[in-house]
Amino acid sequence: MSVTGSAIAEPYPHAIKAQHIDNGIVKFPVNVHSLLVERQSSGYTRVVAKQNDTVLSFVLDDEDCQHLATLLTAR
């Protein structure tokens, strides 16, 4: 699993930068945070958001993925 640090400056001076992994972003500590993307063989994509023991998961189709990508890359 490749891991690299985030190039974006954090808004909190004592925060540890997010780590980029092959299928998402993970941040440690104070809480365990992660946003993971799991591509399913069915063609759908599952997005999983975690904070400590709380896990939120939902399924996206290709149109949903494109919409989310557009929102994330808008400047």
C-alpha atoms as a PDB file:
ATOM      1  CA  MET A   1       0.000   0.000   0.000  1.00  0.00           C
ATOM      2  CA  SER A   2       1.594   3.264  -1.039  1.00  0.00           C
ATOM      3  CA  VAL A   3       1.312   6.148   1.398  1.00  0.00           C
ATOM      4  CA  THR A   4       2.174   9.820   0.847  1.00  0.00           C
ATOM      5  CA  GLY A   5       1.516  12.945   2.881  1.00  0.00           C
ATOM      6  CA  SER A   6      -1.006  15.561   1.850  1.00  0.00           C
ATOM      7  CA  ALA A   7       0.451  18.590   0.050  1.00  0.00           C
ATOM      8  CA  ILE A   8      -2.366  20.870   1.231  1.00  0.00           C
ATOM      9  CA  ALA A   9      -1.681  22.963   4.346  1.00  0.00           C
ATOM     10  CA  GLU A  10      -3.880  21.989   7.274  1.00  0.00           C
ATOM     11  CA  PRO A  11      -6.166  24.620   8.805  1.00  0.00           C
ATOM     12  CA  TYR A  12      -5.150  23.491  12.298  1.00  0.00           C
ATOM     13  CA  PRO A  13      -1.496  24.132  13.250  1.00  0.00           C
ATOM     14  CA  HIS A  14      -1.068  20.938  15.318  1.00  0.00           C
ATOM     15  CA  ALA A  15      -2.932  18.605  12.967  1.00  0.00           C
ATOM     16  CA  ILE A  16      -1.149  15.675  11.374  1.00  0.00           C
ATOM     17  CA  LYS A  17      -1.458  15.628   7.586  1.00  0.00           C
ATOM     18  CA  ALA A  18      -3.731  13.069   5.962  1.00  0.00           C
ATOM     19  CA  GLN A  19      -2.042  10.044   4.450  1.00  0.00           C
ATOM     20  CA  HIS A  20      -2.954   9.129   0.873  1.00  0.00           C
ATOM     21  CA  ILE A  21      -3.398   5.380   0.411  1.00  0.00           C
ATOM     22  CA  ASP A  22      -4.230   3.374  -2.704  1.00  0.00           C
ATOM     23  CA  ASN A  23      -7.979   3.441  -2.051  1.00  0.00           C
ATOM     24  CA  GLY A  24      -8.549   6.600  -0.014  1.00  0.00           C
ATOM     25  CA  ILE A  25      -7.339   8.985   2.654  1.00  0.00           C
ATOM     26  CA  VAL A  26      -6.604   8.187   6.301  1.00  0.00           C
ATOM     27  CA  LYS A  27      -5.896  10.587   9.174  1.00  0.00           C
ATOM     28  CA  PHE A  28      -4.546   9.777  12.645  1.00  0.00           C
ATOM     29  CA  PRO A  29      -4.884  10.973  15.595  1.00  0.00           C
ATOM     30  CA  VAL A  30      -6.717  12.457  17.646  1.00  0.00           C
ATOM     31  CA  ASN A  31      -9.542  10.415  16.155  1.00  0.00           C
ATOM     32  CA  VAL A  32      -9.230   7.761  13.488  1.00  0.00           C
ATOM     33  CA  HIS A  33     -10.643   9.242  10.281  1.00  0.00           C
ATOM     34  CA  SER A  34     -10.745   7.685   6.845  1.00  0.00           C
ATOM     35  CA  LEU A  35     -12.515   8.004   3.533  1.00  0.00           C
ATOM     36  CA  LEU A  36     -12.192   4.866   1.422  1.00  0.00           C
ATOM     37  CA  VAL A  37     -13.315   4.006  -2.095  1.00  0.00           C
ATOM     38  CA  GLU A  38     -14.061   0.368  -2.943  1.00  0.00           C
ATOM     39  CA  ARG A  39     -14.726  -0.444  -6.599  1.00  0.00           C
ATOM     40  CA  GLN A  40     -17.106  -3.425  -6.851  1.00  0.00           C
ATOM     41  CA  SER A  41     -16.953  -6.020  -9.654  1.00  0.00           C
ATOM     42  CA  SER A  42     -20.623  -5.211 -10.308  1.00  0.00           C
ATOM     43  CA  GLY A  43     -19.526  -1.793 -11.637  1.00  0.00           C
ATOM     44  CA  TYR A  44     -20.700   0.166  -8.623  1.00  0.00           C
ATOM     45  CA  THR A  45     -18.406   2.038  -6.237  1.00  0.00           C
ATOM     46  CA  ARG A  46     -18.795   1.878  -2.478  1.00  0.00           C
ATOM     47  CA  VAL A  47     -17.658   4.910  -0.462  1.00  0.00           C
ATOM     48  CA  VAL A  48     -16.889   4.290   3.208  1.00  0.00           C
ATOM     49  CA  ALA A  49     -16.382   7.092   5.749  1.00  0.00           C
ATOM     50  CA  LYS A  50     -15.050   6.150   9.199  1.00  0.00           C
ATOM     51  CA  GLN A  51     -14.503   8.039  12.442  1.00  0.00           C
ATOM     52  CA  ASN A  52     -13.493   5.883  15.387  1.00  0.00           C
ATOM     53  CA  ASP A  53     -16.181   3.164  15.597  1.00  0.00           C
ATOM     54  CA  THR A  54     -18.690   5.006  13.373  1.00  0.00           C
ATOM     55  CA  VAL A  55     -18.852   3.731   9.789  1.00  0.00           C
ATOM     56  CA  LEU A  56     -20.987   5.256   7.023  1.00  0.00           C
ATOM     57  CA  SER A  57     -21.155   3.468   3.691  1.00  0.00           C
ATOM     58  CA  PHE A  58     -23.061   4.069   0.473  1.00  0.00           C
ATOM     59  CA  VAL A  59     -23.045   2.906  -3.132  1.00  0.00           C
ATOM     60  CA  LEU A  60     -22.431   5.174  -6.141  1.00  0.00           C
ATOM     61  CA  ASP A  61     -22.873   4.485  -9.835  1.00  0.00           C
ATOM     62  CA  ASP A  62     -20.577   5.990 -12.486  1.00  0.00           C
ATOM     63  CA  GLU A  63     -22.705   9.140 -12.816  1.00  0.00           C
ATOM     64  CA  ASP A  64     -22.563   9.681  -9.046  1.00  0.00           C
ATOM     65  CA  CYS A  65     -18.761   9.220  -9.086  1.00  0.00           C
ATOM     66  CA  GLN A  66     -18.380  11.804 -11.840  1.00  0.00           C
ATOM     67  CA  HIS A  67     -20.561  14.285  -9.947  1.00  0.00           C
ATOM     68  CA  LEU A  68     -18.536  13.781  -6.753  1.00  0.00           C
ATOM     69  CA  ALA A  69     -15.252  14.146  -8.670  1.00  0.00           C
ATOM     70  CA  THR A  70     -16.493  17.413 -10.178  1.00  0.00           C
ATOM     71  CA  LEU A  71     -17.413  18.755  -6.746  1.00  0.00           C
ATOM     72  CA  LEU A  72     -14.063  17.730  -5.260  1.00  0.00           C
ATOM     73  CA  THR A  73     -11.977  19.267  -8.050  1.00  0.00           C
ATOM     74  CA  ALA A  74     -13.916  22.538  -8.442  1.00  0.00           C
ATOM     75  CA  ARG A  75     -11.754  25.539  -7.670  1.00  0.00           C
END
